[in-house]
């Protein structure tokens, strides 16, 4: 398939999950299409960025968007993306779509912003069918193509023996309200005394207080709790393949890089029942352990540690190269559209 020259715009700090996804995809696209990268590590100056896109090779611009990377408010983020769409046809991959768990006020503001961004784009991509439904609920009368998040291969480190008893319960990713760390701590009563929570990751900006909150909750429950801070990519395979009980407790997911990291390391994390969990299981049956009651699920996995490991060689989802290839017809279709 013929693909026009492609500009990839990546906004945000390197440690942000959406930014990391965008940079990894840019690398995969570079292997199959001519790519010009425009990189901005902070909230962009819109006038400067419009000029940079105007000077880029003619063709569509691919950009991964979550509102928090493009402005301090949803309205500012939408203004920025709409302004960029006036310069070049944008293929916008939307992340963190609005949903009821944002709260009535924020959900409405974010829904309006996401509708505006989607309607300004030449093409819209989301990471799950669940996100398609969330975008439609925003009132965006535009089609959205599903390109799932890739599952990275994180099996480079030696794996613990699947029968090895666990040392702790582990949650991967940023700490923020609703992520589920508190629920895991509260459910540890189902496990032997002394078993604690290990949180691999740092607090999201503005939520640094969560470390103290979790520590106090754990102390009141008589359980250990360790928050590691940022984990370098090179250390992830060894951690994920160690003798820990993997849990991804966020109940309001629409797509998840942390779940894919567990799967890519050969693990089957415990995941609460949701539309997105069902979608994952349909795409790669048995890749996650879906639960309705967390204490029950923890106790079962504690006594059956091998249940949290995928069979050797089992695929848990699309590779980065496969997801990049799924974008080609979207990019080709957007290439001929005027902004």
Protein backbone atom coordinates (compact mmCIF):
# COMPACT_ATOMS: atom_id res chain seq x y z
CA UNK A 1 0.00 0.00 0.00
CA UNK A 2 1.33 3.43 -0.94
CA UNK A 3 1.66 5.71 2.08
CA UNK A 4 2.43 9.42 1.71
CA UNK A 5 5.27 11.03 3.60
CA UNK A 6 4.20 10.98 7.23
CA UNK A 7 4.87 13.45 10.01
CA UNK A 8 4.63 12.04 13.54
CA UNK A 9 4.05 14.61 16.26
CA UNK A 10 4.95 13.43 19.77
CA UNK A 11 4.15 15.67 22.74
CA UNK A 12 4.94 15.01 26.39
CA UNK A 13 7.70 13.84 28.74
CA UNK A 14 9.45 10.59 27.90
CA UNK A 15 8.13 8.86 31.02
CA UNK A 16 4.46 9.42 30.16
CA UNK A 17 2.66 6.31 28.96
CA UNK A 18 1.00 7.97 25.95
CA UNK A 19 4.30 9.58 24.93
CA UNK A 20 6.11 6.27 25.22
CA UNK A 21 3.44 4.56 23.10
CA UNK A 22 3.76 7.28 20.44
CA UNK A 23 7.56 7.05 20.31
CA UNK A 24 7.49 3.26 20.08
CA UNK A 25 4.97 3.45 17.25
CA UNK A 26 7.07 6.04 15.42
CA UNK A 27 9.98 3.60 15.46
CA UNK A 28 7.81 0.84 13.99
CA UNK A 29 6.37 3.14 11.32
CA UNK A 30 9.84 4.27 10.29
CA UNK A 31 10.53 0.70 9.14
CA UNK A 32 7.61 0.73 6.67
CA UNK A 33 7.10 4.38 5.65
CA UNK A 34 9.01 7.67 5.33
CA UNK A 35 8.65 9.46 8.66
CA UNK A 36 9.44 12.99 9.83
CA UNK A 37 9.40 13.33 13.63
CA UNK A 38 8.33 16.52 15.41
CA UNK A 39 9.05 16.14 19.13
CA UNK A 40 7.97 18.47 21.94
CA UNK A 41 8.53 17.34 25.57
CA UNK A 42 6.16 19.88 27.17
CA UNK A 43 2.73 21.38 26.60
CA UNK A 44 3.21 22.89 23.15
CA UNK A 45 3.28 26.50 22.09
CA UNK A 46 0.55 26.27 19.48
CA UNK A 47 1.82 29.02 17.18
CA UNK A 48 5.31 27.51 17.13
CA UNK A 49 3.94 24.05 16.53
CA UNK A 50 1.69 25.22 13.69
CA UNK A 51 4.78 26.66 12.04
CA UNK A 52 6.71 23.40 12.54
CA UNK A 53 3.92 21.34 10.98
CA UNK A 54 3.59 23.79 8.12
CA UNK A 55 7.28 23.31 7.34
CA UNK A 56 7.09 19.50 7.54
CA UNK A 57 6.87 17.32 4.41
CA UNK A 58 3.45 17.37 2.76
CA UNK A 59 1.26 14.57 4.10
CA UNK A 60 -0.79 13.59 7.12
CA UNK A 61 0.30 14.18 10.70
CA UNK A 62 -0.10 11.34 13.20
CA UNK A 63 -0.47 12.44 16.81
CA UNK A 64 -1.34 10.58 20.02
CA UNK A 65 -3.51 12.77 22.23
CA UNK A 66 -4.60 12.81 25.82
CA UNK A 67 -5.95 16.15 26.94
CA UNK A 68 -3.46 16.53 29.81
CA UNK A 69 -0.51 16.57 27.38
CA UNK A 70 -1.93 19.37 25.24
CA UNK A 71 -3.15 21.83 27.83
CA UNK A 72 -3.74 22.56 31.47
CA UNK A 73 -7.50 22.26 30.88
CA UNK A 74 -9.58 20.12 28.48
CA UNK A 75 -10.66 23.30 26.70
CA UNK A 76 -7.07 24.42 26.14
CA UNK A 77 -6.13 20.99 24.82
CA UNK A 78 -9.02 20.98 22.37
CA UNK A 79 -8.13 24.49 21.18
CA UNK A 80 -4.56 23.34 20.50
CA UNK A 81 -5.52 20.22 18.52
CA UNK A 82 -8.17 22.07 16.49
CA UNK A 83 -5.61 24.76 15.64
CA UNK A 84 -3.13 22.12 14.43
CA UNK A 85 -5.83 20.48 12.30
CA UNK A 86 -6.15 23.76 10.40
CA UNK A 87 -2.55 23.36 9.17
CA UNK A 88 -2.35 19.66 8.22
CA UNK A 89 -4.73 16.70 8.08
CA UNK A 90 -4.44 15.05 11.50
CA UNK A 91 -4.72 11.35 12.22
CA UNK A 92 -5.50 11.57 15.93
CA UNK A 93 -5.09 8.59 18.25
CA UNK A 94 -7.16 9.43 21.31
CA UNK A 95 -6.29 8.11 24.77
CA UNK A 96 -7.91 8.29 28.22
CA UNK A 97 -11.36 8.93 26.82
CA UNK A 98 -13.90 10.58 29.12
CA UNK A 99 -16.18 8.37 31.16
CA UNK A 100 -18.48 8.57 34.16
CA UNK A 101 -15.66 7.91 36.63
CA UNK A 102 -14.23 11.38 35.78
CA UNK A 103 -17.08 12.87 37.81
CA UNK A 104 -20.07 14.83 36.40
CA UNK A 105 -18.28 18.15 35.83
CA UNK A 106 -14.99 16.82 34.44
CA UNK A 107 -16.70 14.16 32.35
CA UNK A 108 -18.79 16.81 30.58
CA UNK A 109 -15.86 19.16 30.01
CA UNK A 110 -13.62 16.38 28.74
CA UNK A 111 -16.40 14.94 26.53
CA UNK A 112 -16.83 18.31 24.84
CA UNK A 113 -13.07 18.59 24.32
CA UNK A 114 -12.74 15.10 22.86
CA UNK A 115 -15.70 15.66 20.55
CA UNK A 116 -14.08 18.83 19.23
CA UNK A 117 -10.72 17.11 18.68
CA UNK A 118 -12.30 14.13 16.93
CA UNK A 119 -14.44 16.27 14.64
CA UNK A 120 -11.43 18.40 13.64
CA UNK A 121 -9.33 15.37 12.66
CA UNK A 122 -9.03 13.83 9.22
CA UNK A 123 -9.16 10.39 10.87
CA UNK A 124 -9.58 9.12 14.43
CA UNK A 125 -7.95 6.06 16.00
CA UNK A 126 -8.73 4.54 19.40
CA UNK A 127 -7.20 1.58 21.20
CA UNK A 128 -10.28 -0.52 21.93
CA UNK A 129 -13.90 -1.09 20.92
CA UNK A 130 -14.77 0.14 24.41
CA UNK A 131 -13.14 3.45 23.52
CA UNK A 132 -15.18 3.58 20.31
CA UNK A 133 -18.30 3.50 22.48
CA UNK A 134 -16.90 6.11 24.86
CA UNK A 135 -16.15 8.44 21.94
CA UNK A 136 -19.66 8.00 20.58
CA UNK A 137 -20.98 8.87 24.05
CA UNK A 138 -19.08 12.17 23.78
CA UNK A 139 -21.38 13.07 20.91
CA UNK A 140 -18.67 12.78 18.25
CA UNK A 141 -20.40 11.89 15.01
CA UNK A 142 -17.23 10.51 13.40
CA UNK A 143 -16.00 6.95 12.81
CA UNK A 144 -13.05 5.71 14.84
CA UNK A 145 -10.73 2.90 13.81
CA UNK A 146 -9.58 0.47 16.50
CA UNK A 147 -5.83 -0.14 16.59
CA UNK A 148 -5.09 -2.06 19.81
CA UNK A 149 -2.16 -1.14 22.01
CA UNK A 150 0.76 -3.44 21.19
CA UNK A 151 1.92 -6.10 23.60
CA UNK A 152 5.67 -5.65 24.12
CA UNK A 153 7.97 -8.65 24.38
CA UNK A 154 9.29 -8.43 27.94
CA UNK A 155 10.50 -12.00 28.30
CA UNK A 156 14.21 -11.16 28.16
CA UNK A 157 14.75 -11.78 31.88
CA UNK A 158 14.70 -15.24 33.47
CA UNK A 159 11.30 -16.18 34.83
CA UNK A 160 10.66 -17.39 38.35
CA UNK A 161 9.51 -20.98 38.63
CA UNK A 162 5.70 -20.78 38.19
CA UNK A 163 5.28 -22.87 41.34
CA UNK A 164 7.36 -20.47 43.47
CA UNK A 165 5.29 -18.94 46.30
CA UNK A 166 4.70 -15.23 45.96
CA UNK A 167 6.55 -12.67 48.06
CA UNK A 168 4.07 -9.82 47.62
CA UNK A 169 1.19 -8.46 45.55
CA UNK A 170 2.38 -6.09 42.81
CA UNK A 171 0.66 -3.29 40.89
CA UNK A 172 2.41 -1.65 37.92
CA UNK A 173 2.04 1.93 36.75
CA UNK A 174 1.37 5.46 37.85
CA UNK A 175 -0.37 6.14 41.15
CA UNK A 176 -3.52 8.25 40.73
CA UNK A 177 -7.03 8.31 42.19
CA UNK A 178 -9.03 5.31 41.05
CA UNK A 179 -6.03 3.21 40.00
CA UNK A 180 -6.97 0.67 42.67
CA UNK A 181 -4.01 0.50 45.03
CA UNK A 182 -6.28 1.19 48.01
CA UNK A 183 -8.59 -1.66 47.02
CA UNK A 184 -5.64 -4.06 46.85
CA UNK A 185 -4.47 -3.06 50.32
CA UNK A 186 -7.96 -3.55 51.72
CA UNK A 187 -8.17 -7.01 50.12
CA UNK A 188 -4.88 -8.25 51.61
CA UNK A 189 -6.79 -9.63 54.59
CA UNK A 190 -7.41 -12.64 52.34
CA UNK A 191 -3.66 -13.42 52.37
CA UNK A 192 -1.27 -14.54 55.12
CA UNK A 193 0.01 -12.03 57.65
CA UNK A 194 3.04 -10.09 56.49
CA UNK A 195 2.11 -10.09 52.80
CA UNK A 196 2.19 -6.54 51.46
CA UNK A 197 1.71 -4.38 48.40
CA UNK A 198 4.51 -3.40 46.04
CA UNK A 199 3.62 -0.46 43.78
CA UNK A 200 5.99 -0.17 40.83
CA UNK A 201 5.72 3.41 39.63
CA UNK A 202 5.52 7.01 40.75
CA UNK A 203 2.54 9.25 41.51
CA UNK A 204 1.01 11.16 38.62
CA UNK A 205 1.75 14.88 38.72
CA UNK A 206 -0.39 16.53 41.36
CA UNK A 207 -1.04 13.29 43.25
CA UNK A 208 2.18 12.98 45.23
CA UNK A 209 0.11 12.80 48.42
CA UNK A 210 -1.05 9.31 47.46
CA UNK A 211 2.25 7.81 48.66
CA UNK A 212 1.56 9.02 52.19
CA UNK A 213 -2.09 7.99 51.96
CA UNK A 214 -1.19 4.44 50.92
CA UNK A 215 1.51 4.19 53.56
CA UNK A 216 -0.91 5.25 56.28
CA UNK A 217 -3.59 2.84 55.05
CA UNK A 218 -1.09 -0.02 55.02
CA UNK A 219 0.14 0.86 58.51
CA UNK A 220 -3.43 0.86 59.84
CA UNK A 221 -3.99 -2.57 58.28
CA UNK A 222 -0.69 -3.94 59.56
CA UNK A 223 0.60 -4.59 56.05
CA UNK A 224 3.88 -3.64 54.33
CA UNK A 225 3.63 -1.20 51.42
CA UNK A 226 6.45 -0.17 49.10
CA UNK A 227 6.17 2.52 46.43
CA UNK A 228 9.27 2.29 44.25
CA UNK A 229 9.04 5.47 42.20
CA UNK A 230 9.87 5.47 38.50
CA UNK A 231 11.01 2.10 37.15
CA UNK A 232 13.45 2.21 34.18
CA UNK A 233 12.39 0.15 31.16
CA UNK A 234 15.48 -2.04 31.47
CA UNK A 235 14.36 -3.24 34.90
CA UNK A 236 10.78 -4.10 33.95
CA UNK A 237 11.27 -7.63 32.54
CA UNK A 238 13.03 -8.85 35.68
CA UNK A 239 10.42 -7.35 37.98
CA UNK A 240 7.39 -8.56 36.03
CA UNK A 241 8.80 -12.09 35.76
CA UNK A 242 9.61 -12.35 39.47
CA UNK A 243 7.60 -14.23 42.10
CA UNK A 244 4.90 -11.60 42.69
CA UNK A 245 1.13 -11.84 42.42
CA UNK A 246 0.21 -9.51 39.51
CA UNK A 247 -2.86 -7.29 39.85
CA UNK A 248 -4.17 -4.54 37.55
CA UNK A 249 -7.01 -3.29 39.77
CA UNK A 250 -8.23 -0.20 37.87
CA UNK A 251 -11.97 -0.73 37.38
CA UNK A 252 -12.50 1.99 34.74
CA UNK A 253 -9.98 1.11 32.05
CA UNK A 254 -10.58 1.70 28.37
CA UNK A 255 -7.08 0.53 27.31
CA UNK A 256 -4.04 -0.35 29.40
CA UNK A 257 -0.33 -0.36 28.71
CA UNK A 258 0.39 -1.78 32.16
CA UNK A 259 -1.81 -4.85 31.56
CA UNK A 260 -0.07 -5.37 28.23
CA UNK A 261 3.30 -5.16 29.99
CA UNK A 262 2.26 -7.95 32.37
CA UNK A 263 1.05 -10.04 29.42
CA UNK A 264 4.21 -9.30 27.43
CA UNK A 265 6.25 -10.61 30.36
CA UNK A 266 4.35 -13.89 30.23
CA UNK A 267 2.05 -13.13 33.16
CA UNK A 268 -1.74 -13.35 33.59
CA UNK A 269 -2.66 -10.41 35.84
CA UNK A 270 -5.81 -10.26 37.94
CA UNK A 271 -8.16 -7.72 36.30
CA UNK A 272 -11.64 -6.60 37.44
CA UNK A 273 -14.54 -7.53 35.19
CA UNK A 274 -15.30 -4.80 32.63
CA UNK A 275 -16.04 -4.29 28.96
CA UNK A 276 -12.33 -3.80 28.33
CA UNK A 277 -11.35 -6.97 30.23
CA UNK A 278 -13.84 -8.93 28.11
CA UNK A 279 -12.34 -7.40 24.98
CA UNK A 280 -8.84 -8.42 26.03
CA UNK A 281 -9.96 -11.96 26.75
CA UNK A 282 -11.74 -12.17 23.40
CA UNK A 283 -8.64 -10.97 21.55
CA UNK A 284 -6.32 -13.38 23.38
CA UNK A 285 -8.34 -15.91 25.39
CA UNK A 286 -6.94 -16.58 28.85
CA UNK A 287 -4.46 -13.68 28.82
CA UNK A 288 -5.92 -12.21 32.02
CA UNK A 289 -7.62 -13.55 35.15
CA UNK A 290 -10.92 -11.70 35.39
CA UNK A 291 -12.37 -11.33 38.88
CA UNK A 292 -15.61 -10.16 40.47
CA UNK A 293 -14.34 -10.23 44.06
CA UNK A 294 -10.74 -9.20 44.67
CA UNK A 295 -10.13 -10.94 48.04
CA UNK A 296 -11.40 -14.22 46.60
CA UNK A 297 -9.27 -13.83 43.48
CA UNK A 298 -6.16 -12.98 45.52
CA UNK A 299 -6.61 -16.03 47.75
CA UNK A 300 -7.11 -18.33 44.78
CA UNK A 301 -4.05 -17.01 42.94
CA UNK A 302 -1.97 -17.13 46.13
CA UNK A 303 -2.60 -20.86 46.42
CA UNK A 304 -2.22 -21.42 42.64
CA UNK A 305 0.76 -19.26 41.63
CA UNK A 306 1.15 -21.08 38.31
CA UNK A 307 -2.27 -19.71 37.27
CA UNK A 308 -0.69 -16.24 36.94
CA UNK A 309 1.75 -17.37 34.24
CA UNK A 310 0.98 -17.73 30.54
CA UNK A 311 2.07 -20.93 28.79
CA UNK A 312 5.50 -20.55 27.20
CA UNK A 313 5.37 -19.01 23.74
CA UNK A 314 1.73 -18.00 23.98
CA UNK A 315 0.86 -14.75 22.19
CA UNK A 316 -1.06 -12.23 24.24
CA UNK A 317 -1.88 -9.68 21.56
CA UNK A 318 -0.54 -7.78 18.54
CA UNK A 319 3.09 -6.75 18.23
CA UNK A 320 4.21 -3.18 17.64
CA UNK A 321 4.89 -3.96 13.98
CA UNK A 322 1.40 -5.42 13.57
CA UNK A 323 -0.31 -2.38 15.08
CA UNK A 324 1.78 -0.03 12.92
CA UNK A 325 0.68 -1.97 9.85
CA UNK A 326 -2.96 -1.54 10.90
CA UNK A 327 -2.44 2.22 10.67
CA UNK A 328 -1.33 2.21 7.04
CA UNK A 329 -4.80 2.30 5.43
CA UNK A 330 -5.87 5.01 7.88
CA UNK A 331 -2.83 7.12 7.01
CA UNK A 332 -3.27 6.51 3.29
CA UNK A 333 -6.90 7.60 3.48
CA UNK A 334 -6.05 10.77 5.39
CA UNK A 335 -3.15 11.72 3.12
CA UNK A 336 -5.32 13.14 0.39
CA UNK A 337 -7.55 15.22 2.65
CA UNK A 338 -7.06 18.93 2.97
CA UNK A 339 -7.04 20.42 6.47
